[in-house]
């Protein structure tokens, strides 16, 4: 069992994590959905300023990749819902970002901000990001992250209880334990998604090596303790190694 000094250090570390900046998937406000008859039903545009050229390129990539993503999803994870719902969020105030989540019915959502779509330099980069986000779903990362968060919450909450902390302190410990648990394997999840995303991108007819060049232009998170993403150089190496094996 931890000594009091060890527990204090643990709480200090966890408190630091809780105060650290979080780059979790963005929370977006969803205006009424605008659909176009020329766009697959899986592609939803969240209303905003018109960027026809960027959207046209994004549509072409989706039309080419979506059947491949669904096929690979069903082959690799037959128990999952593989009906991808691909969304574009056009609010110019949103930072460049892409994320994977589930709707209330368990359907996988692949979300992109239009600022990211405008930020990429070519179709290969955008295709790689799409493959990466689809890979998160196929690999079951969201469920695994939730399990890790639950384990962290229970573990640290129980530790606080054992040391006679107040109910409020126990609840706070559980909350911070969930943060630590969720981040424990997040770097591994990102690298797994990079490797599988490389395969998905290549099988869709795009070049993942060209696509991974996007990592050379985004901020490098470095190798931070309990960071959510690995260093960019490590991610590029994962793509190169996977492509070489292919």
C-alpha atoms as a PDB file:
ATOM      1  CA  UNK A   1       0.000   0.000   0.000  1.00  0.00           C
ATOM      2  CA  UNK A   2       1.161   3.556  -0.695  1.00  0.00           C
ATOM      3  CA  UNK A   3       2.510   5.662   2.120  1.00  0.00           C
ATOM      4  CA  UNK A   4       0.899   9.087   2.646  1.00  0.00           C
ATOM      5  CA  UNK A   5       3.803  10.809   0.906  1.00  0.00           C
ATOM      6  CA  UNK A   6       3.439   8.513  -2.090  1.00  0.00           C
ATOM      7  CA  UNK A   7      -0.274   9.170  -2.230  1.00  0.00           C
ATOM      8  CA  UNK A   8       0.347  12.910  -2.138  1.00  0.00           C
ATOM      9  CA  UNK A   9       2.744  12.598  -5.043  1.00  0.00           C
ATOM     10  CA  UNK A  10       0.219  10.536  -6.974  1.00  0.00           C
ATOM     11  CA  UNK A  11      -2.489  13.115  -6.391  1.00  0.00           C
ATOM     12  CA  UNK A  12      -0.077  15.850  -7.463  1.00  0.00           C
ATOM     13  CA  UNK A  13       0.660  14.053 -10.717  1.00  0.00           C
ATOM     14  CA  UNK A  14      -3.001  13.380 -11.406  1.00  0.00           C
ATOM     15  CA  UNK A  15      -3.951  16.957 -10.560  1.00  0.00           C
ATOM     16  CA  UNK A  16      -1.335  18.177 -13.022  1.00  0.00           C
ATOM     17  CA  UNK A  17      -2.831  15.963 -15.700  1.00  0.00           C
ATOM     18  CA  UNK A  18      -6.296  17.259 -14.928  1.00  0.00           C
ATOM     19  CA  UNK A  19      -5.114  20.843 -15.368  1.00  0.00           C
ATOM     20  CA  UNK A  20      -3.158  20.149 -18.531  1.00  0.00           C
ATOM     21  CA  UNK A  21      -4.521  21.204 -21.871  1.00  0.00           C
ATOM     22  CA  UNK A  22      -6.646  18.491 -23.452  1.00  0.00           C
ATOM     23  CA  UNK A  23      -6.706  17.838 -27.199  1.00  0.00           C
ATOM     24  CA  UNK A  24      -9.686  15.501 -27.103  1.00  0.00           C
ATOM     25  CA  UNK A  25     -12.150  15.493 -30.014  1.00  0.00           C
ATOM     26  CA  UNK A  26     -13.843  18.853 -30.464  1.00  0.00           C
ATOM     27  CA  UNK A  27     -17.368  19.373 -29.231  1.00  0.00           C
ATOM     28  CA  UNK A  28     -19.363  20.985 -32.007  1.00  0.00           C
ATOM     29  CA  UNK A  29     -22.719  22.638 -32.254  1.00  0.00           C
ATOM     30  CA  UNK A  30     -24.640  21.038 -35.082  1.00  0.00           C
ATOM     31  CA  UNK A  31     -26.791  23.375 -37.221  1.00  0.00           C
ATOM     32  CA  UNK A  32     -29.426  21.826 -39.489  1.00  0.00           C
ATOM     33  CA  UNK A  33     -27.927  19.286 -41.847  1.00  0.00           C
ATOM     34  CA  UNK A  34     -27.679  20.259 -45.499  1.00  0.00           C
ATOM     35  CA  UNK A  35     -27.677  17.384 -47.956  1.00  0.00           C
ATOM     36  CA  UNK A  36     -27.019  17.236 -51.664  1.00  0.00           C
ATOM     37  CA  UNK A  37     -28.380  14.622 -54.045  1.00  0.00           C
ATOM     38  CA  UNK A  38     -24.908  14.291 -55.586  1.00  0.00           C
ATOM     39  CA  UNK A  39     -23.286  13.414 -52.264  1.00  0.00           C
ATOM     40  CA  UNK A  40     -23.509  10.000 -50.557  1.00  0.00           C
ATOM     41  CA  UNK A  41     -25.883   9.955 -47.594  1.00  0.00           C
ATOM     42  CA  UNK A  42     -22.907   9.225 -45.347  1.00  0.00           C
ATOM     43  CA  UNK A  43     -21.469  12.684 -46.099  1.00  0.00           C
ATOM     44  CA  UNK A  44     -23.174  15.448 -44.150  1.00  0.00           C
ATOM     45  CA  UNK A  45     -22.262  19.120 -44.430  1.00  0.00           C
ATOM     46  CA  UNK A  46     -22.702  21.243 -41.341  1.00  0.00           C
ATOM     47  CA  UNK A  47     -23.885  24.555 -42.713  1.00  0.00           C
ATOM     48  CA  UNK A  48     -21.363  27.380 -43.066  1.00  0.00           C
ATOM     49  CA  UNK A  49     -19.505  29.529 -45.648  1.00  0.00           C
ATOM     50  CA  UNK A  50     -19.273  27.917 -49.067  1.00  0.00           C
ATOM     51  CA  UNK A  51     -15.933  26.407 -50.132  1.00  0.00           C
ATOM     52  CA  UNK A  52     -16.989  24.535 -53.290  1.00  0.00           C
ATOM     53  CA  UNK A  53     -13.530  23.445 -54.475  1.00  0.00           C
ATOM     54  CA  UNK A  54     -12.483  22.036 -51.109  1.00  0.00           C
ATOM     55  CA  UNK A  55     -15.808  20.305 -50.675  1.00  0.00           C
ATOM     56  CA  UNK A  56     -15.685  18.856 -54.172  1.00  0.00           C
ATOM     57  CA  UNK A  57     -12.273  17.317 -53.440  1.00  0.00           C
ATOM     58  CA  UNK A  58     -13.520  15.950 -50.126  1.00  0.00           C
ATOM     59  CA  UNK A  59     -16.549  14.398 -51.841  1.00  0.00           C
ATOM     60  CA  UNK A  60     -14.383  12.664 -54.434  1.00  0.00           C
ATOM     61  CA  UNK A  61     -12.190  11.162 -51.723  1.00  0.00           C
ATOM     62  CA  UNK A  62     -15.223   9.931 -49.797  1.00  0.00           C
ATOM     63  CA  UNK A  63     -16.785   8.352 -52.883  1.00  0.00           C
ATOM     64  CA  UNK A  64     -13.535   6.479 -53.555  1.00  0.00           C
ATOM     65  CA  UNK A  65     -12.684   5.489 -49.983  1.00  0.00           C
ATOM     66  CA  UNK A  66     -16.011   4.835 -48.275  1.00  0.00           C
ATOM     67  CA  UNK A  67     -16.637   1.407 -49.897  1.00  0.00           C
ATOM     68  CA  UNK A  68     -13.095   0.318 -49.004  1.00  0.00           C
ATOM     69  CA  UNK A  69     -13.457   1.474 -45.396  1.00  0.00           C
ATOM     70  CA  UNK A  70     -16.743  -0.386 -44.984  1.00  0.00           C
ATOM     71  CA  UNK A  71     -15.384  -3.553 -46.575  1.00  0.00           C
ATOM     72  CA  UNK A  72     -12.263  -3.571 -44.391  1.00  0.00           C
ATOM     73  CA  UNK A  73     -14.337  -2.781 -41.308  1.00  0.00           C
ATOM     74  CA  UNK A  74     -16.669  -5.720 -41.920  1.00  0.00           C
ATOM     75  CA  UNK A  75     -13.756  -8.033 -42.630  1.00  0.00           C
ATOM     76  CA  UNK A  76     -11.670  -7.024 -39.612  1.00  0.00           C
ATOM     77  CA  UNK A  77     -14.423  -6.270 -37.079  1.00  0.00           C
ATOM     78  CA  UNK A  78     -17.620  -8.057 -38.172  1.00  0.00           C
ATOM     79  CA  UNK A  79     -19.426  -7.258 -34.920  1.00  0.00           C
ATOM     80  CA  UNK A  80     -19.064  -3.507 -35.349  1.00  0.00           C
ATOM     81  CA  UNK A  81     -21.428  -1.099 -37.087  1.00  0.00           C
ATOM     82  CA  UNK A  82     -19.492  -0.291 -40.265  1.00  0.00           C
ATOM     83  CA  UNK A  83     -21.957   2.186 -41.789  1.00  0.00           C
ATOM     84  CA  UNK A  84     -19.690   5.242 -41.575  1.00  0.00           C
ATOM     85  CA  UNK A  85     -21.330   8.658 -41.215  1.00  0.00           C
ATOM     86  CA  UNK A  86     -18.808  11.176 -42.580  1.00  0.00           C
ATOM     87  CA  UNK A  87     -19.431  14.782 -41.577  1.00  0.00           C
ATOM     88  CA  UNK A  88     -17.923  18.116 -42.491  1.00  0.00           C
ATOM     89  CA  UNK A  89     -18.186  20.946 -39.951  1.00  0.00           C
ATOM     90  CA  UNK A  90     -17.843  24.294 -41.667  1.00  0.00           C
ATOM     91  CA  UNK A  91     -17.780  26.739 -38.768  1.00  0.00           C
ATOM     92  CA  UNK A  92     -14.615  28.793 -39.493  1.00  0.00           C
ATOM     93  CA  UNK A  93     -14.023  29.249 -35.753  1.00  0.00           C
ATOM     94  CA  UNK A  94     -13.197  25.533 -35.344  1.00  0.00           C
ATOM     95  CA  UNK A  95      -9.528  24.620 -35.364  1.00  0.00           C
ATOM     96  CA  UNK A  96      -8.233  22.084 -37.926  1.00  0.00           C
ATOM     97  CA  UNK A  97      -9.275  18.738 -36.490  1.00  0.00           C
ATOM     98  CA  UNK A  98     -10.647  15.300 -37.316  1.00  0.00           C
ATOM     99  CA  UNK A  99     -12.183  12.833 -34.902  1.00  0.00           C
ATOM    100  CA  UNK A 100     -14.080   9.573 -34.595  1.00  0.00           C
ATOM    101  CA  UNK A 101     -17.056   9.023 -32.317  1.00  0.00           C
ATOM    102  CA  UNK A 102     -20.406   7.228 -32.235  1.00  0.00           C
ATOM    103  CA  UNK A 103     -23.939   8.568 -32.479  1.00  0.00           C
ATOM    104  CA  UNK A 104     -26.690   7.568 -30.047  1.00  0.00           C
ATOM    105  CA  UNK A 105     -27.391   4.432 -32.101  1.00  0.00           C
ATOM    106  CA  UNK A 106     -23.769   3.297 -32.213  1.00  0.00           C
ATOM    107  CA  UNK A 107     -23.161   4.385 -35.794  1.00  0.00           C
ATOM    108  CA  UNK A 108     -19.550   5.507 -36.334  1.00  0.00           C
ATOM    109  CA  UNK A 109     -19.087   9.209 -37.087  1.00  0.00           C
ATOM    110  CA  UNK A 110     -15.961  10.476 -38.824  1.00  0.00           C
ATOM    111  CA  UNK A 111     -15.899  14.240 -38.326  1.00  0.00           C
ATOM    112  CA  UNK A 112     -13.772  16.805 -40.133  1.00  0.00           C
ATOM    113  CA  UNK A 113     -13.576  20.548 -39.698  1.00  0.00           C
ATOM    114  CA  UNK A 114     -13.416  22.464 -42.944  1.00  0.00           C
ATOM    115  CA  UNK A 115     -10.391  24.296 -41.624  1.00  0.00           C
ATOM    116  CA  UNK A 116      -8.547  20.964 -41.763  1.00  0.00           C
ATOM    117  CA  UNK A 117      -9.832  20.234 -45.258  1.00  0.00           C
ATOM    118  CA  UNK A 118      -8.477  23.625 -46.344  1.00  0.00           C
ATOM    119  CA  UNK A 119      -5.188  23.022 -44.522  1.00  0.00           C
ATOM    120  CA  UNK A 120      -4.123  19.856 -46.372  1.00  0.00           C
ATOM    121  CA  UNK A 121      -2.019  20.235 -49.506  1.00  0.00           C
ATOM    122  CA  UNK A 122      -3.263  17.309 -51.579  1.00  0.00           C
ATOM    123  CA  UNK A 123      -5.794  14.492 -51.761  1.00  0.00           C
ATOM    124  CA  UNK A 124      -3.337  11.961 -50.324  1.00  0.00           C
ATOM    125  CA  UNK A 125      -3.045  13.899 -47.065  1.00  0.00           C
ATOM    126  CA  UNK A 126      -6.802  14.180 -46.675  1.00  0.00           C
ATOM    127  CA  UNK A 127      -7.266  10.520 -47.597  1.00  0.00           C
ATOM    128  CA  UNK A 128      -4.716   9.492 -44.978  1.00  0.00           C
ATOM    129  CA  UNK A 129      -6.530  11.467 -42.272  1.00  0.00           C
ATOM    130  CA  UNK A 130      -9.795   9.804 -43.280  1.00  0.00           C
ATOM    131  CA  UNK A 131      -8.160   6.369 -43.179  1.00  0.00           C
ATOM    132  CA  UNK A 132      -6.656   7.132 -39.788  1.00  0.00           C
ATOM    133  CA  UNK A 133     -10.005   8.107 -38.252  1.00  0.00           C
ATOM    134  CA  UNK A 134     -11.748   5.064 -39.747  1.00  0.00           C
ATOM    135  CA  UNK A 135      -8.964   2.907 -38.309  1.00  0.00           C
ATOM    136  CA  UNK A 136      -9.762   4.169 -34.804  1.00  0.00           C
ATOM    137  CA  UNK A 137     -13.262   2.747 -35.156  1.00  0.00           C
ATOM    138  CA  UNK A 138     -12.205  -0.533 -36.752  1.00  0.00           C
ATOM    139  CA  UNK A 139      -9.643  -1.097 -33.984  1.00  0.00           C
ATOM    140  CA  UNK A 140     -12.246  -0.412 -31.298  1.00  0.00           C
ATOM    141  CA  UNK A 141     -10.213   2.364 -29.708  1.00  0.00           C
ATOM    142  CA  UNK A 142     -13.168   4.304 -28.337  1.00  0.00           C
ATOM    143  CA  UNK A 143     -14.458   1.322 -26.336  1.00  0.00           C
ATOM    144  CA  UNK A 144     -10.963   0.458 -25.134  1.00  0.00           C
ATOM    145  CA  UNK A 145     -10.363   4.043 -24.046  1.00  0.00           C
ATOM    146  CA  UNK A 146     -13.629   4.041 -22.103  1.00  0.00           C
ATOM    147  CA  UNK A 147     -12.610   0.800 -20.370  1.00  0.00           C
ATOM    148  CA  UNK A 148      -9.263   2.308 -19.402  1.00  0.00           C
ATOM    149  CA  UNK A 149     -11.008   5.422 -18.089  1.00  0.00           C
ATOM    150  CA  UNK A 150     -13.374   3.327 -15.980  1.00  0.00           C
ATOM    151  CA  UNK A 151     -10.508   1.288 -14.557  1.00  0.00           C
ATOM    152  CA  UNK A 152      -8.581   4.454 -13.709  1.00  0.00           C
ATOM    153  CA  UNK A 153     -11.606   5.999 -12.013  1.00  0.00           C
ATOM    154  CA  UNK A 154     -12.277   2.913  -9.902  1.00  0.00           C
ATOM    155  CA  UNK A 155      -8.614   2.441  -8.970  1.00  0.00           C
ATOM    156  CA  UNK A 156      -7.863   5.989  -7.877  1.00  0.00           C
ATOM    157  CA  UNK A 157     -11.258   6.392  -6.225  1.00  0.00           C
ATOM    158  CA  UNK A 158     -10.639   3.239  -4.196  1.00  0.00           C
ATOM    159  CA  UNK A 159      -7.179   4.472  -3.257  1.00  0.00           C
ATOM    160  CA  UNK A 160      -8.604   7.768  -1.989  1.00  0.00           C
ATOM    161  CA  UNK A 161     -11.260   5.874  -0.026  1.00  0.00           C
ATOM    162  CA  UNK A 162      -8.633   3.635   1.575  1.00  0.00           C
ATOM    163  CA  UNK A 163      -6.833   6.711   2.869  1.00  0.00           C
ATOM    164  CA  UNK A 164      -9.988   8.115   4.412  1.00  0.00           C
ATOM    165  CA  UNK A 165     -10.538  10.978   2.007  1.00  0.00           C
ATOM    166  CA  UNK A 166     -13.847  12.828   1.989  1.00  0.00           C
ATOM    167  CA  UNK A 167     -16.611  11.880  -0.454  1.00  0.00           C
ATOM    168  CA  UNK A 168     -15.847  14.986  -2.494  1.00  0.00           C
ATOM    169  CA  UNK A 169     -12.155  14.103  -2.636  1.00  0.00           C
ATOM    170  CA  UNK A 170     -12.990  10.535  -3.657  1.00  0.00           C
ATOM    171  CA  UNK A 171     -15.180  11.805  -6.498  1.00  0.00           C
ATOM    172  CA  UNK A 172     -12.432  14.156  -7.658  1.00  0.00           C
ATOM    173  CA  UNK A 173      -9.885  11.347  -7.490  1.00  0.00           C
ATOM    174  CA  UNK A 174     -12.160   9.148  -9.577  1.00  0.00           C
ATOM    175  CA  UNK A 175     -12.583  11.918 -12.146  1.00  0.00           C
ATOM    176  CA  UNK A 176      -8.857  12.477 -12.442  1.00  0.00           C
ATOM    177  CA  UNK A 177      -8.255   8.739 -12.458  1.00  0.00           C
ATOM    178  CA  UNK A 178     -10.524   8.513 -15.483  1.00  0.00           C
ATOM    179  CA  UNK A 179      -8.404  11.134 -17.245  1.00  0.00           C
ATOM    180  CA  UNK A 180      -5.211   9.230 -16.479  1.00  0.00           C
ATOM    181  CA  UNK A 181      -6.769   5.921 -17.508  1.00  0.00           C
ATOM    182  CA  UNK A 182      -8.063   7.310 -20.786  1.00  0.00           C
ATOM    183  CA  UNK A 183      -4.630   8.662 -21.659  1.00  0.00           C
ATOM    184  CA  UNK A 184      -2.615   5.633 -20.570  1.00  0.00           C
ATOM    185  CA  UNK A 185      -2.606   3.955 -23.981  1.00  0.00           C
ATOM    186  CA  UNK A 186      -3.699   6.827 -26.211  1.00  0.00           C
ATOM    187  CA  UNK A 187      -0.281   7.091 -27.890  1.00  0.00           C
ATOM    188  CA  UNK A 188      -0.392   3.396 -28.753  1.00  0.00           C
ATOM    189  CA  UNK A 189      -3.889   3.842 -30.145  1.00  0.00           C
ATOM    190  CA  UNK A 190      -2.685   6.672 -32.393  1.00  0.00           C
ATOM    191  CA  UNK A 191       0.158   4.564 -33.746  1.00  0.00           C
ATOM    192  CA  UNK A 192      -2.195   1.626 -34.316  1.00  0.00           C
ATOM    193  CA  UNK A 193      -4.526   3.932 -36.246  1.00  0.00           C
ATOM    194  CA  UNK A 194      -1.593   5.267 -38.262  1.00  0.00           C
ATOM    195  CA  UNK A 195      -0.566   1.734 -39.248  1.00  0.00           C
ATOM    196  CA  UNK A 196      -4.053   0.552 -40.153  1.00  0.00           C
ATOM    197  CA  UNK A 197      -4.804   3.921 -41.736  1.00  0.00           C
ATOM    198  CA  UNK A 198      -1.784   3.401 -43.989  1.00  0.00           C
ATOM    199  CA  UNK A 199      -3.289   0.154 -45.245  1.00  0.00           C
ATOM    200  CA  UNK A 200      -6.752   1.672 -45.720  1.00  0.00           C
ATOM    201  CA  UNK A 201      -5.327   4.653 -47.584  1.00  0.00           C
ATOM    202  CA  UNK A 202      -3.252   2.497 -49.927  1.00  0.00           C
ATOM    203  CA  UNK A 203      -6.115   0.101 -50.649  1.00  0.00           C
ATOM    204  CA  UNK A 204      -8.274   3.096 -51.548  1.00  0.00           C
ATOM    205  CA  UNK A 205      -5.815   4.161 -54.248  1.00  0.00           C
ATOM    206  CA  UNK A 206      -3.989   6.950 -52.394  1.00  0.00           C
ATOM    207  CA  UNK A 207      -0.356   7.222 -51.305  1.00  0.00           C
ATOM    208  CA  UNK A 208       0.000   7.043 -47.499  1.00  0.00           C
ATOM    209  CA  UNK A 209       3.640   8.146 -47.655  1.00  0.00           C
ATOM    210  CA  UNK A 210       2.598  11.379 -49.335  1.00  0.00           C
ATOM    211  CA  UNK A 211      -0.320  11.616 -46.934  1.00  0.00           C
ATOM    212  CA  UNK A 212       1.881  11.289 -43.856  1.00  0.00           C
ATOM    213  CA  UNK A 213       3.741  14.436 -44.895  1.00  0.00           C
ATOM    214  CA  UNK A 214       0.919  16.250 -43.109  1.00  0.00           C
ATOM    215  CA  UNK A 215       2.708  15.376 -39.858  1.00  0.00           C
ATOM    216  CA  UNK A 216       5.649  17.555 -40.889  1.00  0.00           C
ATOM    217  CA  UNK A 217       3.500  20.695 -40.783  1.00  0.00           C
ATOM    218  CA  UNK A 218       1.442  20.271 -37.627  1.00  0.00           C
ATOM    219  CA  UNK A 219       2.737  21.064 -34.118  1.00  0.00           C
ATOM    220  CA  UNK A 220       4.844  18.268 -32.676  1.00  0.00           C
ATOM    221  CA  UNK A 221       3.465  17.138 -29.291  1.00  0.00           C
ATOM    222  CA  UNK A 222       6.805  15.610 -28.358  1.00  0.00           C
ATOM    223  CA  UNK A 223       6.952  12.682 -25.966  1.00  0.00           C
ATOM    224  CA  UNK A 224       5.015  14.209 -23.065  1.00  0.00           C
ATOM    225  CA  UNK A 225       4.153  12.166 -19.988  1.00  0.00           C
ATOM    226  CA  UNK A 226       0.513  11.041 -20.398  1.00  0.00           C
ATOM    227  CA  UNK A 227       0.270  12.983 -23.634  1.00  0.00           C
ATOM    228  CA  UNK A 228      -2.465  11.952 -26.021  1.00  0.00           C
ATOM    229  CA  UNK A 229      -0.360  11.773 -29.202  1.00  0.00           C
ATOM    230  CA  UNK A 230       3.133  10.405 -29.929  1.00  0.00           C
ATOM    231  CA  UNK A 231       5.887  12.508 -31.536  1.00  0.00           C
ATOM    232  CA  UNK A 232       5.320  13.257 -35.209  1.00  0.00           C
ATOM    233  CA  UNK A 233       8.578  11.541 -36.215  1.00  0.00           C
ATOM    234  CA  UNK A 234       7.405   8.321 -34.553  1.00  0.00           C
ATOM    235  CA  UNK A 235       4.122   8.493 -36.442  1.00  0.00           C
ATOM    236  CA  UNK A 236       5.848   9.039 -39.781  1.00  0.00           C
ATOM    237  CA  UNK A 237       8.141   6.075 -39.044  1.00  0.00           C
ATOM    238  CA  UNK A 238       5.096   3.893 -38.322  1.00  0.00           C
ATOM    239  CA  UNK A 239       3.618   4.804 -41.706  1.00  0.00           C
ATOM    240  CA  UNK A 240       6.898   4.159 -43.518  1.00  0.00           C
ATOM    241  CA  UNK A 241       7.386   0.768 -41.841  1.00  0.00           C
ATOM    242  CA  UNK A 242       3.818  -0.312 -42.638  1.00  0.00           C
ATOM    243  CA  UNK A 243       4.082   0.820 -46.246  1.00  0.00           C
ATOM    244  CA  UNK A 244       7.385  -1.030 -46.628  1.00  0.00           C
ATOM    245  CA  UNK A 245       5.793  -4.274 -45.398  1.00  0.00           C
ATOM    246  CA  UNK A 246       2.945  -3.827 -47.860  1.00  0.00           C
END
